[in-house]
Amino acid sequence: MHDIQRKINDCTLCGKKQKLTGSSIQIGCTKFIIIGESPAKDGWIESKKAFYNTDGKLQASGKILEKLLQNIGLSIENIYFTECCKCIIDNRSDLAKCSENCLPFLIEQLNNIPCTIILTMGLHPTQAVLKTKIKRFADYVGKEYSITLGNKEYVLIPIYHPSPLNPKGYKDNVPIFDKIKSLL
């Protein structure tokens, strides 16, 4: 993983955008990985831990995700997690192109961990991994897609981002996590 991180840090395809200074993957012990959009300036960048602030407290999205994970007997501490885009994105209009640029890094990360299920958090990670333009994200959420990335096969399940600003972030993800529990 150290070699992958060096490649990420050396990349300039999106310009000289800030990246995580530590590892861009949180190692877990589950059969799935959650893929977010991009590192948050006030989260992982400063705290060095996904979903946590610098005081070691779960951020709002992390609290919702933790509640979803507890429903299936897990915790944020147990999961693999990474971002589709490895740079901090100040302008959301850059997210699709940066996610596309980072896809080879993401595939390399995925091929180096023992996961068989991918949960994509939101539109941009789902588009990047499926390599398709999505018009209506709700048409994809909760469905299972058999995909091959690099040298491995996966089941991909898009989920709603667990942001407190997203009215679907908890309640509409509950049945998806019930499905994930049955897959585990």
Protein backbone atom coordinates (compact mmCIF):
# COMPACT_ATOMS: atom_id res chain seq x y z
CA MET A 1 0.00 0.00 0.00
CA HIS A 2 2.93 2.35 0.61
CA ASP A 3 3.81 2.26 -3.11
CA ILE A 4 0.21 3.15 -4.07
CA GLN A 5 0.23 6.07 -1.63
CA ARG A 6 3.48 7.38 -3.14
CA LYS A 7 1.91 7.27 -6.61
CA ILE A 8 -1.13 9.16 -5.31
CA ASN A 9 1.01 11.80 -3.65
CA ASP A 10 3.12 12.26 -6.81
CA CYS A 11 0.09 12.63 -9.12
CA THR A 12 -0.60 16.05 -10.66
CA LEU A 13 -3.40 15.14 -13.12
CA CYS A 14 -5.81 17.39 -11.22
CA GLY A 15 -3.23 20.11 -10.62
CA LYS A 16 -1.50 20.61 -7.32
CA LYS A 17 -4.49 19.81 -5.12
CA GLN A 18 -3.90 18.91 -1.48
CA LYS A 19 -3.98 15.20 -0.64
CA LEU A 20 -3.97 13.16 2.54
CA THR A 21 -0.54 13.18 4.15
CA GLY A 22 -1.01 9.69 5.55
CA SER A 23 -2.60 6.62 4.04
CA SER A 24 -5.60 7.21 1.79
CA ILE A 25 -7.19 3.94 2.89
CA GLN A 26 -8.55 2.96 6.27
CA ILE A 27 -7.87 -0.71 6.88
CA GLY A 28 -10.64 -2.82 8.34
CA CYS A 29 -11.64 -6.45 8.75
CA THR A 30 -14.88 -6.71 6.79
CA LYS A 31 -15.72 -8.22 3.39
CA PHE A 32 -16.69 -4.78 2.12
CA ILE A 33 -15.20 -1.38 1.55
CA ILE A 34 -17.03 1.92 1.56
CA ILE A 35 -15.90 4.43 -1.05
CA GLY A 36 -16.64 8.10 -0.44
CA GLU A 37 -16.26 11.08 -2.75
CA SER A 38 -13.12 12.94 -1.61
CA PRO A 39 -11.32 13.73 1.66
CA ALA A 40 -12.92 16.50 3.71
CA LYS A 41 -10.63 19.35 4.69
CA ASP A 42 -12.01 19.42 8.22
CA GLY A 43 -12.02 15.64 8.66
CA TRP A 44 -9.63 12.98 7.43
CA ILE A 45 -7.05 15.55 6.25
CA GLU A 46 -6.57 16.91 9.76
CA SER A 47 -7.54 13.96 11.97
CA LYS A 48 -5.80 11.24 9.87
CA LYS A 49 -8.87 9.07 10.43
CA ALA A 50 -11.98 8.88 8.25
CA PHE A 51 -15.17 10.31 9.78
CA TYR A 52 -13.40 11.78 12.81
CA ASN A 53 -12.47 15.34 13.73
CA THR A 54 -9.15 16.36 15.32
CA ASP A 55 -10.65 15.92 18.81
CA GLY A 56 -11.21 12.23 18.05
CA LYS A 57 -14.98 12.62 17.88
CA LEU A 58 -17.17 11.25 15.11
CA GLN A 59 -18.35 13.91 12.69
CA ALA A 60 -22.05 14.15 11.76
CA SER A 61 -21.83 11.81 8.72
CA GLY A 62 -19.74 9.41 10.77
CA LYS A 63 -22.42 9.25 13.46
CA ILE A 64 -25.06 8.28 10.90
CA LEU A 65 -22.77 5.72 9.26
CA GLU A 66 -21.88 4.31 12.69
CA LYS A 67 -25.59 3.86 13.45
CA LEU A 68 -26.10 2.04 10.12
CA LEU A 69 -23.09 -0.18 10.81
CA GLN A 70 -24.26 -0.96 14.36
CA ASN A 71 -27.52 -2.24 12.85
CA ILE A 72 -25.45 -5.01 11.23
CA GLY A 73 -23.11 -5.58 14.20
CA LEU A 74 -20.17 -3.48 12.98
CA SER A 75 -18.47 -0.16 13.66
CA ILE A 76 -16.52 2.41 11.65
CA GLU A 77 -13.45 0.93 13.33
CA ASN A 78 -14.13 -2.39 11.50
CA ILE A 79 -14.54 -1.14 7.95
CA TYR A 80 -12.30 -0.60 5.00
CA PHE A 81 -12.79 2.92 3.68
CA THR A 82 -11.28 5.08 0.98
CA GLU A 83 -12.21 7.95 -1.28
CA CYS A 84 -12.85 7.76 -5.00
CA CYS A 85 -11.02 11.06 -5.52
CA LYS A 86 -7.75 11.25 -3.62
CA CYS A 87 -7.50 15.09 -3.66
CA ILE A 88 -9.34 17.68 -1.63
CA ILE A 89 -11.88 19.17 -4.01
CA ASP A 90 -12.76 22.81 -3.42
CA ASN A 91 -15.05 23.04 -6.45
CA ARG A 92 -17.58 20.18 -6.72
CA SER A 93 -17.68 20.62 -10.49
CA ASP A 94 -14.13 19.12 -10.48
CA LEU A 95 -15.25 15.96 -8.68
CA ALA A 96 -16.25 13.88 -11.73
CA LYS A 97 -12.99 14.53 -13.64
CA CYS A 98 -10.80 14.06 -10.55
CA SER A 99 -12.62 10.81 -9.70
CA GLU A 100 -11.96 9.58 -13.23
CA ASN A 101 -8.27 10.55 -12.91
CA CYS A 102 -7.98 8.68 -9.60
CA LEU A 103 -9.72 5.49 -10.74
CA PRO A 104 -6.45 3.60 -11.45
CA PHE A 105 -5.29 4.33 -7.86
CA LEU A 106 -8.62 3.20 -6.47
CA ILE A 107 -8.53 -0.04 -8.47
CA GLU A 108 -5.00 -0.74 -7.26
CA GLN A 109 -6.08 -0.16 -3.66
CA LEU A 110 -9.11 -2.42 -4.06
CA ASN A 111 -7.04 -5.20 -5.62
CA ASN A 112 -4.73 -5.15 -2.58
CA ILE A 113 -7.35 -5.72 0.12
CA PRO A 114 -9.53 -8.80 0.78
CA CYS A 115 -12.90 -7.19 -0.01
CA THR A 116 -15.50 -8.61 -2.35
CA ILE A 117 -18.26 -6.04 -1.79
CA ILE A 118 -18.00 -2.34 -2.63
CA LEU A 119 -20.40 0.23 -1.20
CA THR A 120 -20.22 3.53 -3.06
CA MET A 121 -21.37 6.55 -1.07
CA GLY A 122 -23.10 8.85 -3.50
CA LEU A 123 -23.16 9.71 -7.19
CA HIS A 124 -19.52 10.37 -8.07
CA PRO A 125 -17.96 7.20 -6.63
CA THR A 126 -20.74 5.15 -8.24
CA GLN A 127 -20.21 6.76 -11.64
CA ALA A 128 -16.44 6.32 -11.45
CA VAL A 129 -16.55 2.65 -10.44
CA LEU A 130 -19.32 1.74 -12.90
CA LYS A 131 -17.64 3.89 -15.56
CA THR A 132 -20.96 5.36 -16.62
CA LYS A 133 -22.74 8.70 -16.49
CA ILE A 134 -25.72 8.48 -14.12
CA LYS A 135 -28.72 10.73 -14.68
CA ARG A 136 -30.76 9.69 -11.63
CA PHE A 137 -28.78 8.27 -8.72
CA ALA A 138 -31.90 6.91 -6.98
CA ASP A 139 -32.28 4.42 -9.86
CA TYR A 140 -28.97 2.82 -8.81
CA VAL A 141 -29.13 2.94 -5.01
CA GLY A 142 -29.43 -0.42 -3.28
CA LYS A 143 -29.08 -2.46 -6.47
CA GLU A 144 -26.33 -5.05 -6.87
CA TYR A 145 -23.90 -4.85 -9.77
CA SER A 146 -21.38 -7.56 -10.61
CA ILE A 147 -18.24 -5.79 -11.79
CA THR A 148 -14.60 -6.53 -12.52
CA LEU A 149 -11.96 -4.00 -11.55
CA GLY A 150 -8.35 -4.81 -12.30
CA ASN A 151 -7.95 -8.50 -11.60
CA LYS A 152 -10.86 -8.99 -9.15
CA GLU A 153 -14.61 -9.40 -9.25
CA TYR A 154 -16.84 -7.47 -6.88
CA VAL A 155 -20.45 -6.86 -5.99
CA LEU A 156 -21.09 -3.12 -6.04
CA ILE A 157 -23.98 -1.62 -4.06
CA PRO A 158 -24.50 2.15 -4.18
CA ILE A 159 -25.75 3.77 -0.96
CA TYR A 160 -26.92 7.25 -0.11
CA HIS A 161 -24.30 9.48 1.51
CA PRO A 162 -24.97 9.40 5.26
CA SER A 163 -24.86 13.17 5.58
CA PRO A 164 -27.29 14.77 8.04
CA LEU A 165 -28.19 17.11 5.15
CA ASN A 166 -29.39 14.13 3.12
CA PRO A 167 -32.93 13.12 4.14
CA LYS A 168 -32.28 9.65 2.68
CA GLY A 169 -28.89 9.25 4.40
CA TYR A 170 -30.17 7.10 7.23
CA LYS A 171 -33.73 5.88 6.65
CA ASP A 172 -33.29 4.87 3.02
CA ASN A 173 -29.96 3.18 3.74
CA VAL A 174 -31.37 0.92 6.49
CA PRO A 175 -32.83 -1.68 4.06
CA ILE A 176 -29.59 -1.60 2.05
CA PHE A 177 -27.56 -2.39 5.16
CA ASP A 178 -30.00 -5.20 5.98
CA LYS A 179 -29.19 -6.61 2.51
CA ILE A 180 -25.46 -6.20 3.21
CA LYS A 181 -25.87 -8.11 6.47
CA SER A 182 -27.31 -11.05 4.52
CA LEU A 183 -24.38 -10.89 2.07
CA LEU A 184 -21.89 -11.06 4.93
